[in-house]
Amino acid sequence: MSKVLIADSGSTKTEWRLLQQPKRSKTIFTQGLSPYFLDAAQIEAVLRKELLPKLPEHPAEVFFYGTGNANPANARMIKGVLAKVFPGAAVEVRHDLMGAARALCGQEQGIACILGTGSNSGYYNGKAITRNSPGLGYVLGDEGSGAYLGKRVLQYYLYGTFDEELKAKFEGQYTSDPAAILDAVYKQPLPNRYLASYARFLSENRGHYMVENIIEDGLNDFFFQHLCKYRESWSKPIHFIGGVAHAFADVLRDLGRAYEFEIGKIVEMPMDGLVKYHAG
């Protein structure tokens, strides 16, 4: 096997895995390489400063999976930068949902779902994603995501729905100033990440009926609005990847039984699955 470099890139960090012989690999982390936040020159600068000095050798093949690359112009830009930084290497750039599908399904058919800061899903036929439920972003969609669940936490607090126990826990951990919260949501950059940060409150307070209701309702919205739109949901396994999926795997499996879906793998990160896919 030739030297293969795999990247899993989000907006905040990128994990790189160099596959070497015999069955050796090296992991490197750099900042995120979202084409929505960085231009070609900035991405090249990150690669030359944070990645190249840590690579023991240049790869013959580069597989880059990242957010924003469903846009063909963004994918071309990333591919051009990688070809410049790794001259002579074969470069393939795919979006994060394809990375999830390959990591979760390998070469088998199935539905791949991402439940992280945002949410996404697609039917994968073993080679390509042939259908993708529309992604409307955190304002109109992203059901089941960290941003979606975090928004519900803030609603419960600001509307005064939390009981005294949860209210006290919230105020002991976060700002209780409504003006500051609304400013962060409506005026500051990256409000989706800000909203998603409140999903941690749910994972830290499992067992309380209000917390369980928020989690179940938010994930059920993902099942109803997205998974029920795929006819294959009743015949093919449904796999999940992402921090929210991993944290609330028990709820996903309970919902799967209720909908009579086969819930397959639930993992936090795609890299191990991508290594298996590309090394196999």
C-alpha atoms as a PDB file:
ATOM      1  CA  MET A   1       0.000   0.000   0.000  1.00  0.00           C
ATOM      2  CA  SER A   2       1.325   3.421  -0.925  1.00  0.00           C
ATOM      3  CA  LYS A   3       1.518   6.094   1.764  1.00  0.00           C
ATOM      4  CA  VAL A   4      -2.013   7.421   2.310  1.00  0.00           C
ATOM      5  CA  LEU A   5      -2.936  10.615   4.141  1.00  0.00           C
ATOM      6  CA  ILE A   6      -6.541  10.954   5.366  1.00  0.00           C
ATOM      7  CA  ALA A   7      -8.071  14.154   6.728  1.00  0.00           C
ATOM      8  CA  ASP A   8     -11.300  14.648   8.667  1.00  0.00           C
ATOM      9  CA  SER A   9     -11.857  18.386   8.841  1.00  0.00           C
ATOM     10  CA  GLY A  10     -14.426  20.444  10.701  1.00  0.00           C
ATOM     11  CA  SER A  11     -14.600  24.160  11.252  1.00  0.00           C
ATOM     12  CA  THR A  12     -12.552  24.024  14.464  1.00  0.00           C
ATOM     13  CA  LYS A  13     -10.030  21.212  14.005  1.00  0.00           C
ATOM     14  CA  THR A  14      -8.700  18.719  11.454  1.00  0.00           C
ATOM     15  CA  GLU A  15      -7.489  15.225  12.239  1.00  0.00           C
ATOM     16  CA  TRP A  16      -4.879  13.820   9.850  1.00  0.00           C
ATOM     17  CA  ARG A  17      -3.864  10.175   9.738  1.00  0.00           C
ATOM     18  CA  LEU A  18      -0.832   9.042   7.707  1.00  0.00           C
ATOM     19  CA  LEU A  19      -1.020   5.320   6.953  1.00  0.00           C
ATOM     20  CA  GLN A  20       2.395   3.708   6.803  1.00  0.00           C
ATOM     21  CA  GLN A  21       3.723   0.188   6.418  1.00  0.00           C
ATOM     22  CA  PRO A  22       3.746  -2.186   8.166  1.00  0.00           C
ATOM     23  CA  LYS A  23       0.389  -1.341   9.711  1.00  0.00           C
ATOM     24  CA  ARG A  24       1.696   1.852  11.232  1.00  0.00           C
ATOM     25  CA  SER A  25       0.013   5.238  11.314  1.00  0.00           C
ATOM     26  CA  LYS A  26       0.713   8.720  12.578  1.00  0.00           C
ATOM     27  CA  THR A  27      -1.945  11.147  13.813  1.00  0.00           C
ATOM     28  CA  ILE A  28      -1.603  14.919  13.539  1.00  0.00           C
ATOM     29  CA  PHE A  29      -4.062  17.647  14.485  1.00  0.00           C
ATOM     30  CA  THR A  30      -4.288  21.079  12.877  1.00  0.00           C
ATOM     31  CA  GLN A  31      -6.874  23.824  13.033  1.00  0.00           C
ATOM     32  CA  GLY A  32     -10.063  23.405  11.055  1.00  0.00           C
ATOM     33  CA  LEU A  33      -9.941  24.043   7.316  1.00  0.00           C
ATOM     34  CA  SER A  34     -13.446  25.162   6.468  1.00  0.00           C
ATOM     35  CA  PRO A  35     -13.537  26.919   3.077  1.00  0.00           C
ATOM     36  CA  TYR A  36     -16.242  29.163   4.509  1.00  0.00           C
ATOM     37  CA  PHE A  37     -13.810  30.639   7.024  1.00  0.00           C
ATOM     38  CA  LEU A  38     -10.411  30.362   5.295  1.00  0.00           C
ATOM     39  CA  ASP A  39      -9.322  31.207   1.750  1.00  0.00           C
ATOM     40  CA  ALA A  40      -6.796  29.252  -0.325  1.00  0.00           C
ATOM     41  CA  ALA A  41      -3.774  31.218   0.901  1.00  0.00           C
ATOM     42  CA  GLN A  42      -4.769  30.800   4.542  1.00  0.00           C
ATOM     43  CA  ILE A  43      -5.356  27.062   4.148  1.00  0.00           C
ATOM     44  CA  GLU A  44      -1.980  26.638   2.454  1.00  0.00           C
ATOM     45  CA  ALA A  45      -0.315  28.560   5.280  1.00  0.00           C
ATOM     46  CA  VAL A  46      -1.912  26.288   7.890  1.00  0.00           C
ATOM     47  CA  LEU A  47      -0.768  23.156   6.050  1.00  0.00           C
ATOM     48  CA  ARG A  48       2.812  24.380   5.705  1.00  0.00           C
ATOM     49  CA  LYS A  49       3.032  25.539   9.318  1.00  0.00           C
ATOM     50  CA  GLU A  50       1.011  22.953  11.242  1.00  0.00           C
ATOM     51  CA  LEU A  51       1.075  19.795   9.107  1.00  0.00           C
ATOM     52  CA  LEU A  52       4.171  19.497   6.917  1.00  0.00           C
ATOM     53  CA  PRO A  53       6.751  19.829   9.718  1.00  0.00           C
ATOM     54  CA  LYS A  54       5.131  16.887  11.533  1.00  0.00           C
ATOM     55  CA  LEU A  55       4.852  14.562   8.534  1.00  0.00           C
ATOM     56  CA  PRO A  56       7.721  12.062   8.397  1.00  0.00           C
ATOM     57  CA  GLU A  57       7.198  11.641   4.643  1.00  0.00           C
ATOM     58  CA  HIS A  58       4.972  12.884   1.870  1.00  0.00           C
ATOM     59  CA  PRO A  59       1.969  10.752   0.900  1.00  0.00           C
ATOM     60  CA  ALA A  60       1.268   9.304  -2.521  1.00  0.00           C
ATOM     61  CA  GLU A  61      -2.483   9.696  -1.969  1.00  0.00           C
ATOM     62  CA  VAL A  62      -4.496  12.277  -0.042  1.00  0.00           C
ATOM     63  CA  PHE A  63      -8.158  11.825   0.908  1.00  0.00           C
ATOM     64  CA  PHE A  64      -9.693  14.961   2.401  1.00  0.00           C
ATOM     65  CA  TYR A  65     -13.168  14.911   3.987  1.00  0.00           C
ATOM     66  CA  GLY A  66     -14.478  18.194   5.262  1.00  0.00           C
ATOM     67  CA  THR A  67     -17.328  20.498   6.020  1.00  0.00           C
ATOM     68  CA  GLY A  68     -18.270  22.851   3.204  1.00  0.00           C
ATOM     69  CA  ASN A  69     -17.061  20.593   0.417  1.00  0.00           C
ATOM     70  CA  ALA A  70     -20.522  19.713  -0.854  1.00  0.00           C
ATOM     71  CA  ASN A  71     -20.107  23.032  -2.677  1.00  0.00           C
ATOM     72  CA  PRO A  72     -18.120  22.141  -5.856  1.00  0.00           C
ATOM     73  CA  ALA A  73     -16.250  25.472  -5.848  1.00  0.00           C
ATOM     74  CA  ASN A  74     -15.054  24.886  -2.294  1.00  0.00           C
ATOM     75  CA  ALA A  75     -13.974  21.317  -3.122  1.00  0.00           C
ATOM     76  CA  ARG A  76     -11.983  22.553  -6.147  1.00  0.00           C
ATOM     77  CA  MET A  77     -10.262  25.180  -4.022  1.00  0.00           C
ATOM     78  CA  ILE A  78      -9.262  22.659  -1.341  1.00  0.00           C
ATOM     79  CA  LYS A  79      -8.061  20.192  -3.976  1.00  0.00           C
ATOM     80  CA  GLY A  80      -5.934  22.863  -5.616  1.00  0.00           C
ATOM     81  CA  VAL A  81      -4.256  23.747  -2.346  1.00  0.00           C
ATOM     82  CA  LEU A  82      -3.562  20.108  -1.485  1.00  0.00           C
ATOM     83  CA  ALA A  83      -2.136  19.457  -4.964  1.00  0.00           C
ATOM     84  CA  LYS A  84       0.195  22.428  -4.489  1.00  0.00           C
ATOM     85  CA  VAL A  85       1.340  21.351  -1.035  1.00  0.00           C
ATOM     86  CA  PHE A  86       1.707  17.678  -2.046  1.00  0.00           C
ATOM     87  CA  PRO A  87       2.953  17.804  -5.660  1.00  0.00           C
ATOM     88  CA  GLY A  88       2.605  14.487  -7.455  1.00  0.00           C
ATOM     89  CA  ALA A  89       0.125  13.045  -4.966  1.00  0.00           C
ATOM     90  CA  ALA A  90      -3.299  11.835  -6.059  1.00  0.00           C
ATOM     91  CA  VAL A  91      -5.844  14.047  -4.261  1.00  0.00           C
ATOM     92  CA  GLU A  92      -9.523  13.365  -3.595  1.00  0.00           C
ATOM     93  CA  VAL A  93     -11.741  15.893  -1.780  1.00  0.00           C
ATOM     94  CA  ARG A  94     -15.166  14.898  -0.445  1.00  0.00           C
ATOM     95  CA  HIS A  95     -17.705  16.439   1.900  1.00  0.00           C
ATOM     96  CA  ASP A  96     -18.113  15.312   5.494  1.00  0.00           C
ATOM     97  CA  LEU A  97     -21.241  13.256   4.819  1.00  0.00           C
ATOM     98  CA  MET A  98     -19.333  11.086   2.338  1.00  0.00           C
ATOM     99  CA  GLY A  99     -16.668  10.666   4.988  1.00  0.00           C
ATOM    100  CA  ALA A 100     -19.313   9.570   7.456  1.00  0.00           C
ATOM    101  CA  ALA A 101     -20.831   7.148   4.927  1.00  0.00           C
ATOM    102  CA  ARG A 102     -17.513   5.504   4.101  1.00  0.00           C
ATOM    103  CA  ALA A 103     -16.548   5.321   7.767  1.00  0.00           C
ATOM    104  CA  LEU A 104     -19.882   3.878   8.871  1.00  0.00           C
ATOM    105  CA  CYS A 105     -20.992   1.763   5.919  1.00  0.00           C
ATOM    106  CA  GLY A 106     -17.752   0.815   4.175  1.00  0.00           C
ATOM    107  CA  GLN A 107     -18.934  -0.640   0.887  1.00  0.00           C
ATOM    108  CA  GLU A 108     -22.333  -1.710   2.183  1.00  0.00           C
ATOM    109  CA  GLN A 109     -25.661   0.037   1.677  1.00  0.00           C
ATOM    110  CA  GLY A 110     -27.064   2.075   4.511  1.00  0.00           C
ATOM    111  CA  ILE A 111     -28.130   5.468   5.780  1.00  0.00           C
ATOM    112  CA  ALA A 112     -25.371   7.617   7.257  1.00  0.00           C
ATOM    113  CA  CYS A 113     -26.263  10.321   9.762  1.00  0.00           C
ATOM    114  CA  ILE A 114     -24.226  13.100  11.324  1.00  0.00           C
ATOM    115  CA  LEU A 115     -25.387  14.444  14.668  1.00  0.00           C
ATOM    116  CA  GLY A 116     -22.850  16.968  15.892  1.00  0.00           C
ATOM    117  CA  THR A 117     -22.992  20.748  16.049  1.00  0.00           C
ATOM    118  CA  GLY A 118     -25.258  20.413  12.997  1.00  0.00           C
ATOM    119  CA  SER A 119     -27.063  17.429  11.501  1.00  0.00           C
ATOM    120  CA  ASN A 120     -27.146  15.727   8.123  1.00  0.00           C
ATOM    121  CA  SER A 121     -28.084  12.393   6.583  1.00  0.00           C
ATOM    122  CA  GLY A 122     -27.957  10.541   3.287  1.00  0.00           C
ATOM    123  CA  TYR A 123     -28.681   7.192   1.685  1.00  0.00           C
ATOM    124  CA  TYR A 124     -25.439   5.503   0.612  1.00  0.00           C
ATOM    125  CA  ASN A 125     -25.594   2.721  -1.983  1.00  0.00           C
ATOM    126  CA  GLY A 126     -22.157   1.362  -1.146  1.00  0.00           C
ATOM    127  CA  LYS A 127     -20.348   3.715  -3.506  1.00  0.00           C
ATOM    128  CA  ALA A 128     -22.130   7.056  -3.524  1.00  0.00           C
ATOM    129  CA  ILE A 129     -24.713   9.073  -1.637  1.00  0.00           C
ATOM    130  CA  THR A 130     -27.707   8.973  -3.952  1.00  0.00           C
ATOM    131  CA  ARG A 131     -30.179  10.884  -1.769  1.00  0.00           C
ATOM    132  CA  ASN A 132     -29.676  13.555   0.848  1.00  0.00           C
ATOM    133  CA  SER A 133     -32.381  15.005   3.067  1.00  0.00           C
ATOM    134  CA  PRO A 134     -32.311  18.815   2.688  1.00  0.00           C
ATOM    135  CA  GLY A 135     -30.076  20.592   5.171  1.00  0.00           C
ATOM    136  CA  LEU A 136     -31.636  23.894   6.207  1.00  0.00           C
ATOM    137  CA  GLY A 137     -29.013  24.967   8.744  1.00  0.00           C
ATOM    138  CA  TYR A 138     -29.412  25.771  12.404  1.00  0.00           C
ATOM    139  CA  VAL A 139     -32.094  28.446  11.963  1.00  0.00           C
ATOM    140  CA  LEU A 140     -34.644  26.410   9.995  1.00  0.00           C
ATOM    141  CA  GLY A 141     -33.411  22.854  10.500  1.00  0.00           C
ATOM    142  CA  ASP A 142     -30.533  20.833  11.961  1.00  0.00           C
ATOM    143  CA  GLU A 143     -33.004  18.696  13.904  1.00  0.00           C
ATOM    144  CA  GLY A 144     -31.294  16.496  16.483  1.00  0.00           C
ATOM    145  CA  SER A 145     -28.066  18.491  16.397  1.00  0.00           C
ATOM    146  CA  GLY A 146     -26.202  20.086  19.268  1.00  0.00           C
ATOM    147  CA  ALA A 147     -27.406  23.502  18.141  1.00  0.00           C
ATOM    148  CA  TYR A 148     -31.007  22.259  17.998  1.00  0.00           C
ATOM    149  CA  LEU A 149     -30.852  20.721  21.471  1.00  0.00           C
ATOM    150  CA  GLY A 150     -28.953  23.678  22.905  1.00  0.00           C
ATOM    151  CA  LYS A 151     -31.594  26.060  21.571  1.00  0.00           C
ATOM    152  CA  ARG A 152     -34.218  24.065  23.454  1.00  0.00           C
ATOM    153  CA  VAL A 153     -32.175  24.318  26.677  1.00  0.00           C
ATOM    154  CA  LEU A 154     -32.094  28.096  26.341  1.00  0.00           C
ATOM    155  CA  GLN A 155     -35.818  28.216  25.609  1.00  0.00           C
ATOM    156  CA  TYR A 156     -36.584  26.202  28.742  1.00  0.00           C
ATOM    157  CA  TYR A 157     -34.417  28.533  30.827  1.00  0.00           C
ATOM    158  CA  LEU A 158     -35.517  31.855  29.347  1.00  0.00           C
ATOM    159  CA  TYR A 159     -39.197  30.906  29.334  1.00  0.00           C
ATOM    160  CA  GLY A 160     -38.962  29.842  32.975  1.00  0.00           C
ATOM    161  CA  THR A 161     -39.897  26.235  32.179  1.00  0.00           C
ATOM    162  CA  PHE A 162     -37.075  24.613  34.163  1.00  0.00           C
ATOM    163  CA  ASP A 163     -37.939  23.601  37.704  1.00  0.00           C
ATOM    164  CA  GLU A 164     -35.918  25.057  40.578  1.00  0.00           C
ATOM    165  CA  GLU A 165     -33.380  22.224  40.501  1.00  0.00           C
ATOM    166  CA  LEU A 166     -32.464  22.653  36.828  1.00  0.00           C
ATOM    167  CA  LYS A 167     -32.664  26.429  37.032  1.00  0.00           C
ATOM    168  CA  ALA A 168     -30.116  26.450  39.855  1.00  0.00           C
ATOM    169  CA  LYS A 169     -27.808  24.086  37.981  1.00  0.00           C
ATOM    170  CA  PHE A 170     -28.050  26.191  34.820  1.00  0.00           C
ATOM    171  CA  GLU A 171     -27.306  29.441  36.655  1.00  0.00           C
ATOM    172  CA  GLY A 172     -24.380  27.827  38.428  1.00  0.00           C
ATOM    173  CA  GLN A 173     -22.780  26.894  35.118  1.00  0.00           C
ATOM    174  CA  TYR A 174     -23.780  29.527  32.570  1.00  0.00           C
ATOM    175  CA  THR A 175     -24.575  33.202  32.334  1.00  0.00           C
ATOM    176  CA  SER A 176     -28.135  33.911  33.418  1.00  0.00           C
ATOM    177  CA  ASP A 177     -28.302  37.326  31.764  1.00  0.00           C
ATOM    178  CA  PRO A 178     -30.941  37.138  29.009  1.00  0.00           C
ATOM    179  CA  ALA A 179     -29.439  40.144  27.221  1.00  0.00           C
ATOM    180  CA  ALA A 180     -26.029  38.461  27.029  1.00  0.00           C
ATOM    181  CA  ILE A 181     -27.572  35.230  25.745  1.00  0.00           C
ATOM    182  CA  LEU A 182     -29.566  37.017  23.047  1.00  0.00           C
ATOM    183  CA  ASP A 183     -26.520  39.043  22.047  1.00  0.00           C
ATOM    184  CA  ALA A 184     -24.491  35.853  21.581  1.00  0.00           C
ATOM    185  CA  VAL A 185     -27.243  34.294  19.488  1.00  0.00           C
ATOM    186  CA  TYR A 186     -28.183  37.241  17.301  1.00  0.00           C
ATOM    187  CA  LYS A 187     -25.123  39.499  17.117  1.00  0.00           C
ATOM    188  CA  GLN A 188     -21.955  37.462  17.721  1.00  0.00           C
ATOM    189  CA  PRO A 189     -20.209  35.196  15.177  1.00  0.00           C
ATOM    190  CA  LEU A 190     -20.815  31.419  15.039  1.00  0.00           C
ATOM    191  CA  PRO A 191     -24.122  31.309  16.931  1.00  0.00           C
ATOM    192  CA  ASN A 192     -24.574  27.651  15.947  1.00  0.00           C
ATOM    193  CA  ARG A 193     -21.526  26.711  17.999  1.00  0.00           C
ATOM    194  CA  TYR A 194     -22.737  28.870  20.855  1.00  0.00           C
ATOM    195  CA  LEU A 195     -26.111  27.112  20.872  1.00  0.00           C
ATOM    196  CA  ALA A 196     -24.465  23.682  20.609  1.00  0.00           C
ATOM    197  CA  SER A 197     -22.368  24.378  23.709  1.00  0.00           C
ATOM    198  CA  TYR A 198     -25.546  24.114  25.794  1.00  0.00           C
ATOM    199  CA  ALA A 199     -26.159  20.525  24.719  1.00  0.00           C
ATOM    200  CA  ARG A 200     -23.564  19.553  27.313  1.00  0.00           C
ATOM    201  CA  PHE A 201     -26.033  20.623  29.995  1.00  0.00           C
ATOM    202  CA  LEU A 202     -28.274  17.788  28.839  1.00  0.00           C
ATOM    203  CA  SER A 203     -25.585  15.105  28.975  1.00  0.00           C
ATOM    204  CA  GLU A 204     -24.586  16.266  32.464  1.00  0.00           C
ATOM    205  CA  ASN A 205     -28.127  16.085  33.837  1.00  0.00           C
ATOM    206  CA  ARG A 206     -29.440  12.815  32.453  1.00  0.00           C
ATOM    207  CA  GLY A 207     -32.304  11.269  34.388  1.00  0.00           C
ATOM    208  CA  HIS A 208     -34.243  14.456  35.019  1.00  0.00           C
ATOM    209  CA  TYR A 209     -37.548  14.187  33.192  1.00  0.00           C
ATOM    210  CA  MET A 210     -37.247  17.626  31.558  1.00  0.00           C
ATOM    211  CA  VAL A 211     -33.774  16.801  30.256  1.00  0.00           C
ATOM    212  CA  GLU A 212     -34.933  13.450  28.928  1.00  0.00           C
ATOM    213  CA  ASN A 213     -37.887  15.132  27.220  1.00  0.00           C
ATOM    214  CA  ILE A 214     -35.643  17.654  25.455  1.00  0.00           C
ATOM    215  CA  ILE A 215     -33.293  14.920  24.235  1.00  0.00           C
ATOM    216  CA  GLU A 216     -36.022  12.575  23.067  1.00  0.00           C
ATOM    217  CA  ASP A 217     -38.077  15.310  21.388  1.00  0.00           C
ATOM    218  CA  GLY A 218     -35.040  16.740  19.589  1.00  0.00           C
ATOM    219  CA  LEU A 219     -33.845  13.375  18.283  1.00  0.00           C
ATOM    220  CA  ASN A 220     -37.381  12.306  17.411  1.00  0.00           C
ATOM    221  CA  ASP A 221     -37.652  15.415  15.227  1.00  0.00           C
ATOM    222  CA  PHE A 222     -34.607  14.152  13.289  1.00  0.00           C
ATOM    223  CA  PHE A 223     -36.197  10.722  12.843  1.00  0.00           C
ATOM    224  CA  PHE A 224     -39.546  12.165  11.743  1.00  0.00           C
ATOM    225  CA  GLN A 225     -38.296  14.966   9.488  1.00  0.00           C
ATOM    226  CA  HIS A 226     -35.418  13.072   7.862  1.00  0.00           C
ATOM    227  CA  LEU A 227     -35.189   9.328   8.412  1.00  0.00           C
ATOM    228  CA  CYS A 228     -38.852   8.739   7.693  1.00  0.00           C
ATOM    229  CA  LYS A 229     -38.327  10.314   4.252  1.00  0.00           C
ATOM    230  CA  TYR A 230     -36.017   7.474   3.145  1.00  0.00           C
ATOM    231  CA  ARG A 231     -37.878   4.347   2.074  1.00  0.00           C
ATOM    232  CA  GLU A 232     -34.672   2.425   2.856  1.00  0.00           C
ATOM    233  CA  SER A 233     -34.988   3.283   6.553  1.00  0.00           C
ATOM    234  CA  TRP A 234     -37.150   0.181   7.005  1.00  0.00           C
ATOM    235  CA  SER A 235     -34.804  -2.157   5.105  1.00  0.00           C
ATOM    236  CA  LYS A 236     -31.222  -0.899   5.559  1.00  0.00           C
ATOM    237  CA  PRO A 237     -29.188  -0.167   8.693  1.00  0.00           C
ATOM    238  CA  ILE A 238     -29.054   3.412   9.925  1.00  0.00           C
ATOM    239  CA  HIS A 239     -25.683   4.531  11.309  1.00  0.00           C
ATOM    240  CA  PHE A 240     -24.754   7.627  13.296  1.00  0.00           C
ATOM    241  CA  ILE A 241     -21.614   9.645  13.847  1.00  0.00           C
ATOM    242  CA  GLY A 242     -20.884  12.721  15.966  1.00  0.00           C
ATOM    243  CA  GLY A 243     -20.702  13.946  19.528  1.00  0.00           C
ATOM    244  CA  VAL A 244     -24.464  14.210  20.027  1.00  0.00           C
ATOM    245  CA  ALA A 245     -25.064  10.742  18.565  1.00  0.00           C
ATOM    246  CA  HIS A 246     -22.389   9.241  20.813  1.00  0.00           C
ATOM    247  CA  ALA A 247     -23.650  11.019  23.948  1.00  0.00           C
ATOM    248  CA  PHE A 248     -27.276   9.967  23.454  1.00  0.00           C
ATOM    249  CA  ALA A 249     -26.824   6.578  21.797  1.00  0.00           C
ATOM    250  CA  ASP A 250     -29.326   4.978  24.164  1.00  0.00           C
ATOM    251  CA  VAL A 251     -32.079   7.358  23.041  1.00  0.00           C
ATOM    252  CA  LEU A 252     -31.264   6.722  19.373  1.00  0.00           C
ATOM    253  CA  ARG A 253     -31.596   2.973  19.897  1.00  0.00           C
ATOM    254  CA  ASP A 254     -34.881   3.405  21.792  1.00  0.00           C
ATOM    255  CA  LEU A 255     -36.275   5.545  18.964  1.00  0.00           C
ATOM    256  CA  GLY A 256     -35.044   3.013  16.427  1.00  0.00           C
ATOM    257  CA  ARG A 257     -37.072   0.299  18.129  1.00  0.00           C
ATOM    258  CA  ALA A 258     -40.129   2.554  18.245  1.00  0.00           C
ATOM    259  CA  TYR A 259     -39.881   3.308  14.515  1.00  0.00           C
ATOM    260  CA  GLU A 260     -38.920  -0.294  13.705  1.00  0.00           C
ATOM    261  CA  PHE A 261     -35.596   0.823  12.211  1.00  0.00           C
ATOM    262  CA  GLU A 262     -32.353  -1.157  12.406  1.00  0.00           C
ATOM    263  CA  ILE A 263     -29.872   1.068  14.220  1.00  0.00           C
ATOM    264  CA  GLY A 264     -26.318   0.116  13.301  1.00  0.00           C
ATOM    265  CA  LYS A 265     -23.074   1.778  14.367  1.00  0.00           C
ATOM    266  CA  ILE A 266     -23.010   4.825  16.622  1.00  0.00           C
ATOM    267  CA  VAL A 267     -19.529   6.361  16.863  1.00  0.00           C
ATOM    268  CA  GLU A 268     -18.138   9.715  17.860  1.00  0.00           C
ATOM    269  CA  MET A 269     -15.467  10.226  15.190  1.00  0.00           C
ATOM    270  CA  PRO A 270     -15.040   8.882  11.636  1.00  0.00           C
ATOM    271  CA  MET A 271     -11.271   8.443  11.426  1.00  0.00           C
ATOM    272  CA  ASP A 272     -10.970   4.792  12.482  1.00  0.00           C
ATOM    273  CA  GLY A 273     -13.670   3.850   9.988  1.00  0.00           C
ATOM    274  CA  LEU A 274     -11.974   5.862   7.243  1.00  0.00           C
ATOM    275  CA  VAL A 275      -8.668   4.138   7.958  1.00  0.00           C
ATOM    276  CA  LYS A 276     -10.372   0.763   7.642  1.00  0.00           C
ATOM    277  CA  TYR A 277     -12.048   1.860   4.390  1.00  0.00           C
ATOM    278  CA  HIS A 278      -8.871   3.107   2.733  1.00  0.00           C
ATOM    279  CA  ALA A 279      -6.545   0.432   4.077  1.00  0.00           C
ATOM    280  CA  GLY A 280      -8.897  -2.385   3.141  1.00  0.00           C
END
